[in-house]
Amino acid sequence: MASPVSSLTPIPGVPDLKSLPGLGLPGGKSGGAFEAVLRDSISKVESFRANAAQSVEQFLAGENEDLHRTVMATQRAELAFDLFLQARNKVVQAYQEIMRMQM
């Protein structure tokens, strides 16, 4: 016959998930580290966009803004948005793959 299953003991050196600060467990209020990284990334992309918009406005108004600085600011904003969009696509793809897994 099969031996009875005994209770599992924690692995030494691995912290309990419930004790980790900022780890969002289902039903919990904390968003965790992923939320912080996501918010930070969104704010950086938005700041690049705002900086590019301000640079274009200053260039069009003739307020001593160089053309190459304006182009660099708009390219930086575009690249940041493209990178963020690709990261978002990878996260969505990973989520869809997890949802396709059978239990």
N, C-alpha and C. Protein backbone atom coordinates (compact mmCIF):
# COMPACT_ATOMS: atom_id res chain seq x y z
N MET A 1 0.83 -1.18 0.00
CA MET A 1 0.00 0.00 0.00
C MET A 1 0.87 1.24 0.00
N ALA A 2 0.25 2.34 -0.34
CA ALA A 2 0.96 3.61 -0.38
C ALA A 2 1.15 4.14 1.02
N SER A 3 2.26 4.81 1.22
CA SER A 3 2.52 5.39 2.53
C SER A 3 1.69 6.65 2.70
N PRO A 4 1.26 6.94 3.92
CA PRO A 4 0.44 8.14 4.13
C PRO A 4 1.27 9.40 3.90
N VAL A 5 0.61 10.43 3.41
CA VAL A 5 1.28 11.70 3.14
C VAL A 5 1.44 12.45 4.45
N SER A 6 2.66 12.81 4.75
CA SER A 6 2.90 13.57 5.96
C SER A 6 2.90 15.05 5.64
N SER A 7 2.81 15.86 6.65
CA SER A 7 2.81 17.31 6.40
C SER A 7 4.18 17.74 5.88
N LEU A 8 4.16 18.72 5.01
CA LEU A 8 5.40 19.21 4.41
C LEU A 8 6.08 20.21 5.32
N THR A 9 7.37 20.14 5.35
CA THR A 9 8.13 21.12 6.14
C THR A 9 8.68 22.17 5.20
N PRO A 10 8.77 23.40 5.65
CA PRO A 10 9.30 24.45 4.77
C PRO A 10 10.76 24.21 4.40
N ILE A 11 11.12 24.67 3.23
CA ILE A 11 12.50 24.54 2.76
C ILE A 11 13.34 25.61 3.45
N PRO A 12 14.46 25.22 4.06
CA PRO A 12 15.29 26.22 4.74
C PRO A 12 15.81 27.26 3.76
N GLY A 13 15.76 28.52 4.15
CA GLY A 13 16.28 29.61 3.34
C GLY A 13 15.26 30.22 2.40
N VAL A 14 14.09 29.60 2.22
CA VAL A 14 13.06 30.14 1.35
C VAL A 14 11.98 30.76 2.23
N PRO A 15 11.74 32.06 2.09
CA PRO A 15 10.75 32.71 2.95
C PRO A 15 9.33 32.31 2.58
N ASP A 16 8.45 32.39 3.55
CA ASP A 16 7.04 32.13 3.33
C ASP A 16 6.46 33.24 2.46
N LEU A 17 5.66 32.90 1.47
CA LEU A 17 5.12 33.91 0.55
C LEU A 17 4.26 34.93 1.27
N LYS A 18 3.56 34.52 2.31
CA LYS A 18 2.68 35.44 3.03
C LYS A 18 3.47 36.48 3.81
N SER A 19 4.72 36.18 4.11
CA SER A 19 5.52 37.11 4.91
C SER A 19 6.25 38.14 4.06
N LEU A 20 6.26 37.97 2.74
CA LEU A 20 6.97 38.92 1.89
C LEU A 20 6.17 40.21 1.77
N PRO A 21 6.79 41.37 2.01
CA PRO A 21 6.06 42.64 1.89
C PRO A 21 5.80 42.98 0.44
N GLY A 22 4.61 43.49 0.17
CA GLY A 22 4.28 43.97 -1.16
C GLY A 22 3.93 42.89 -2.16
N LEU A 23 3.87 41.64 -1.73
CA LEU A 23 3.52 40.57 -2.65
C LEU A 23 2.01 40.45 -2.67
N GLY A 24 1.42 40.76 -3.78
CA GLY A 24 -0.04 40.76 -3.89
C GLY A 24 -0.58 39.36 -4.09
N LEU A 25 -1.22 38.84 -3.08
CA LEU A 25 -1.86 37.55 -3.18
C LEU A 25 -3.31 37.78 -3.60
N PRO A 26 -3.96 36.80 -4.22
CA PRO A 26 -5.33 36.99 -4.66
C PRO A 26 -6.24 37.44 -3.53
N GLY A 27 -7.02 38.47 -3.79
CA GLY A 27 -7.93 38.98 -2.78
C GLY A 27 -7.29 40.01 -1.86
N GLY A 28 -5.97 40.21 -1.98
CA GLY A 28 -5.28 41.17 -1.12
C GLY A 28 -5.35 42.58 -1.68
N LYS A 29 -5.05 43.54 -0.86
CA LYS A 29 -5.10 44.95 -1.28
C LYS A 29 -3.79 45.42 -1.89
N SER A 30 -2.67 44.78 -1.55
CA SER A 30 -1.38 45.26 -2.05
C SER A 30 -1.16 44.79 -3.48
N GLY A 31 -0.58 45.68 -4.30
CA GLY A 31 -0.36 45.37 -5.70
C GLY A 31 0.94 44.63 -5.93
N GLY A 32 1.89 44.83 -5.08
CA GLY A 32 3.15 44.13 -5.20
C GLY A 32 4.17 44.84 -6.05
N ALA A 33 5.26 44.16 -6.28
CA ALA A 33 6.38 44.73 -7.01
C ALA A 33 6.04 44.92 -8.48
N PHE A 34 5.25 44.02 -9.05
CA PHE A 34 4.89 44.15 -10.46
C PHE A 34 4.11 45.43 -10.70
N GLU A 35 3.20 45.75 -9.80
CA GLU A 35 2.43 46.97 -9.93
C GLU A 35 3.34 48.19 -9.86
N ALA A 36 4.32 48.17 -8.96
CA ALA A 36 5.24 49.30 -8.83
C ALA A 36 6.07 49.48 -10.10
N VAL A 37 6.55 48.38 -10.67
CA VAL A 37 7.33 48.45 -11.90
C VAL A 37 6.46 48.96 -13.05
N LEU A 38 5.22 48.48 -13.11
CA LEU A 38 4.31 48.91 -14.17
C LEU A 38 3.99 50.39 -14.06
N ARG A 39 3.69 50.85 -12.85
CA ARG A 39 3.40 52.28 -12.66
C ARG A 39 4.62 53.15 -13.00
N ASP A 40 5.79 52.70 -12.60
CA ASP A 40 7.01 53.45 -12.89
C ASP A 40 7.26 53.51 -14.40
N SER A 41 7.05 52.40 -15.08
CA SER A 41 7.25 52.38 -16.53
C SER A 41 6.26 53.29 -17.24
N ILE A 42 5.01 53.26 -16.81
CA ILE A 42 4.00 54.12 -17.43
C ILE A 42 4.35 55.59 -17.20
N SER A 43 4.78 55.92 -16.00
CA SER A 43 5.12 57.32 -15.72
C SER A 43 6.33 57.78 -16.53
N LYS A 44 7.31 56.89 -16.74
CA LYS A 44 8.48 57.26 -17.54
C LYS A 44 8.09 57.47 -19.00
N VAL A 45 7.26 56.59 -19.54
CA VAL A 45 6.81 56.74 -20.93
C VAL A 45 6.02 58.03 -21.07
N GLU A 46 5.17 58.32 -20.10
CA GLU A 46 4.39 59.55 -20.14
C GLU A 46 5.28 60.79 -20.03
N SER A 47 6.33 60.72 -19.22
CA SER A 47 7.22 61.88 -19.11
C SER A 47 8.00 62.10 -20.41
N PHE A 48 8.40 61.01 -21.08
CA PHE A 48 9.05 61.15 -22.39
C PHE A 48 8.09 61.80 -23.39
N ARG A 49 6.82 61.39 -23.37
CA ARG A 49 5.83 61.96 -24.28
C ARG A 49 5.62 63.44 -24.01
N ALA A 50 5.50 63.79 -22.73
CA ALA A 50 5.30 65.19 -22.36
C ALA A 50 6.51 66.03 -22.74
N ASN A 51 7.70 65.49 -22.53
CA ASN A 51 8.93 66.20 -22.89
C ASN A 51 9.00 66.42 -24.40
N ALA A 52 8.61 65.41 -25.18
CA ALA A 52 8.62 65.55 -26.64
C ALA A 52 7.60 66.59 -27.08
N ALA A 53 6.42 66.58 -26.49
CA ALA A 53 5.40 67.55 -26.85
C ALA A 53 5.85 68.97 -26.52
N GLN A 54 6.48 69.13 -25.37
CA GLN A 54 6.98 70.44 -24.97
C GLN A 54 8.09 70.90 -25.91
N SER A 55 8.96 69.99 -26.31
CA SER A 55 10.05 70.33 -27.21
C SER A 55 9.52 70.76 -28.58
N VAL A 56 8.50 70.06 -29.07
CA VAL A 56 7.90 70.43 -30.36
C VAL A 56 7.25 71.81 -30.26
N GLU A 57 6.54 72.05 -29.16
CA GLU A 57 5.89 73.35 -28.98
C GLU A 57 6.93 74.48 -28.94
N GLN A 58 8.01 74.26 -28.22
CA GLN A 58 9.05 75.27 -28.14
C GLN A 58 9.71 75.50 -29.49
N PHE A 59 9.91 74.43 -30.25
CA PHE A 59 10.50 74.58 -31.58
C PHE A 59 9.58 75.36 -32.50
N LEU A 60 8.29 75.04 -32.48
CA LEU A 60 7.34 75.73 -33.36
C LEU A 60 7.15 77.19 -32.96
N ALA A 61 7.31 77.48 -31.67
CA ALA A 61 7.18 78.86 -31.21
C ALA A 61 8.47 79.65 -31.41
N GLY A 62 9.55 78.96 -31.78
CA GLY A 62 10.82 79.63 -32.01
C GLY A 62 11.52 80.03 -30.73
N GLU A 63 11.29 79.29 -29.67
CA GLU A 63 11.87 79.62 -28.36
C GLU A 63 13.23 78.97 -28.17
N ASN A 64 14.11 79.17 -29.13
CA ASN A 64 15.50 78.76 -29.00
C ASN A 64 15.66 77.25 -28.82
N GLU A 65 14.76 76.46 -29.39
CA GLU A 65 14.86 75.00 -29.33
C GLU A 65 15.45 74.51 -30.64
N ASP A 66 16.53 73.73 -30.57
CA ASP A 66 17.18 73.22 -31.77
C ASP A 66 16.37 72.09 -32.39
N LEU A 67 16.47 71.96 -33.70
CA LEU A 67 15.74 70.92 -34.42
C LEU A 67 16.19 69.53 -34.00
N HIS A 68 17.50 69.34 -33.86
CA HIS A 68 17.98 68.00 -33.50
C HIS A 68 17.54 67.60 -32.10
N ARG A 69 17.43 68.54 -31.18
CA ARG A 69 16.93 68.20 -29.83
C ARG A 69 15.46 67.82 -29.89
N THR A 70 14.71 68.51 -30.73
CA THR A 70 13.29 68.19 -30.89
C THR A 70 13.11 66.80 -31.49
N VAL A 71 13.88 66.50 -32.52
CA VAL A 71 13.80 65.18 -33.15
C VAL A 71 14.23 64.09 -32.17
N MET A 72 15.28 64.34 -31.43
CA MET A 72 15.75 63.35 -30.45
C MET A 72 14.69 63.10 -29.37
N ALA A 73 14.04 64.15 -28.92
CA ALA A 73 13.00 64.00 -27.90
C ALA A 73 11.82 63.19 -28.42
N THR A 74 11.42 63.45 -29.66
CA THR A 74 10.30 62.70 -30.22
C THR A 74 10.69 61.25 -30.49
N GLN A 75 11.91 61.02 -30.94
CA GLN A 75 12.37 59.64 -31.16
C GLN A 75 12.48 58.88 -29.84
N ARG A 76 12.96 59.54 -28.80
CA ARG A 76 13.06 58.92 -27.48
C ARG A 76 11.67 58.52 -26.98
N ALA A 77 10.69 59.41 -27.17
CA ALA A 77 9.32 59.12 -26.73
C ALA A 77 8.74 57.96 -27.55
N GLU A 78 9.01 57.96 -28.85
CA GLU A 78 8.50 56.88 -29.70
C GLU A 78 9.12 55.54 -29.34
N LEU A 79 10.43 55.53 -29.12
CA LEU A 79 11.10 54.28 -28.75
C LEU A 79 10.64 53.77 -27.38
N ALA A 80 10.46 54.68 -26.44
CA ALA A 80 9.99 54.27 -25.11
C ALA A 80 8.60 53.67 -25.21
N PHE A 81 7.73 54.29 -26.01
CA PHE A 81 6.38 53.75 -26.17
C PHE A 81 6.41 52.40 -26.86
N ASP A 82 7.23 52.25 -27.91
CA ASP A 82 7.34 50.97 -28.61
C ASP A 82 7.85 49.87 -27.68
N LEU A 83 8.84 50.18 -26.88
CA LEU A 83 9.37 49.20 -25.94
C LEU A 83 8.32 48.81 -24.91
N PHE A 84 7.60 49.81 -24.40
CA PHE A 84 6.55 49.52 -23.43
C PHE A 84 5.45 48.67 -24.06
N LEU A 85 5.10 48.95 -25.30
CA LEU A 85 4.07 48.19 -26.00
C LEU A 85 4.51 46.75 -26.21
N GLN A 86 5.78 46.55 -26.55
CA GLN A 86 6.28 45.18 -26.72
C GLN A 86 6.29 44.42 -25.39
N ALA A 87 6.67 45.09 -24.31
CA ALA A 87 6.65 44.44 -22.99
C ALA A 87 5.21 44.08 -22.61
N ARG A 88 4.28 44.98 -22.91
CA ARG A 88 2.86 44.72 -22.63
C ARG A 88 2.39 43.51 -23.43
N ASN A 89 2.77 43.43 -24.69
CA ASN A 89 2.38 42.31 -25.53
C ASN A 89 2.92 40.99 -24.98
N LYS A 90 4.14 41.00 -24.47
CA LYS A 90 4.73 39.79 -23.90
C LYS A 90 3.99 39.37 -22.63
N VAL A 91 3.59 40.34 -21.81
CA VAL A 91 2.85 40.01 -20.59
C VAL A 91 1.49 39.43 -20.95
N VAL A 92 0.81 40.03 -21.91
CA VAL A 92 -0.49 39.51 -22.34
C VAL A 92 -0.34 38.11 -22.92
N GLN A 93 0.71 37.91 -23.71
CA GLN A 93 0.96 36.60 -24.30
C GLN A 93 1.23 35.56 -23.22
N ALA A 94 2.00 35.91 -22.20
CA ALA A 94 2.27 34.98 -21.10
C ALA A 94 0.99 34.67 -20.33
N TYR A 95 0.16 35.68 -20.10
CA TYR A 95 -1.11 35.47 -19.41
C TYR A 95 -2.00 34.52 -20.21
N GLN A 96 -2.08 34.73 -21.52
CA GLN A 96 -2.91 33.85 -22.36
C GLN A 96 -2.37 32.43 -22.36
N GLU A 97 -1.07 32.29 -22.34
CA GLU A 97 -0.48 30.95 -22.29
C GLU A 97 -0.81 30.26 -20.97
N ILE A 98 -0.76 30.97 -19.89
CA ILE A 98 -1.11 30.41 -18.59
C ILE A 98 -2.59 30.01 -18.56
N MET A 99 -3.44 30.84 -19.16
CA MET A 99 -4.86 30.52 -19.17
C MET A 99 -5.17 29.30 -20.04
N ARG A 100 -4.33 28.99 -21.01
CA ARG A 100 -4.53 27.81 -21.85
C ARG A 100 -4.08 26.52 -21.18
N MET A 101 -3.29 26.65 -20.11
CA MET A 101 -2.80 25.44 -19.43
C MET A 101 -3.95 24.69 -18.78
N GLN A 102 -3.88 23.39 -18.89
CA GLN A 102 -4.89 22.54 -18.27
C GLN A 102 -4.40 22.08 -16.92
N MET A 103 -5.31 22.04 -16.01
CA MET A 103 -4.95 21.61 -14.65
C MET A 103 -5.31 20.18 -14.43
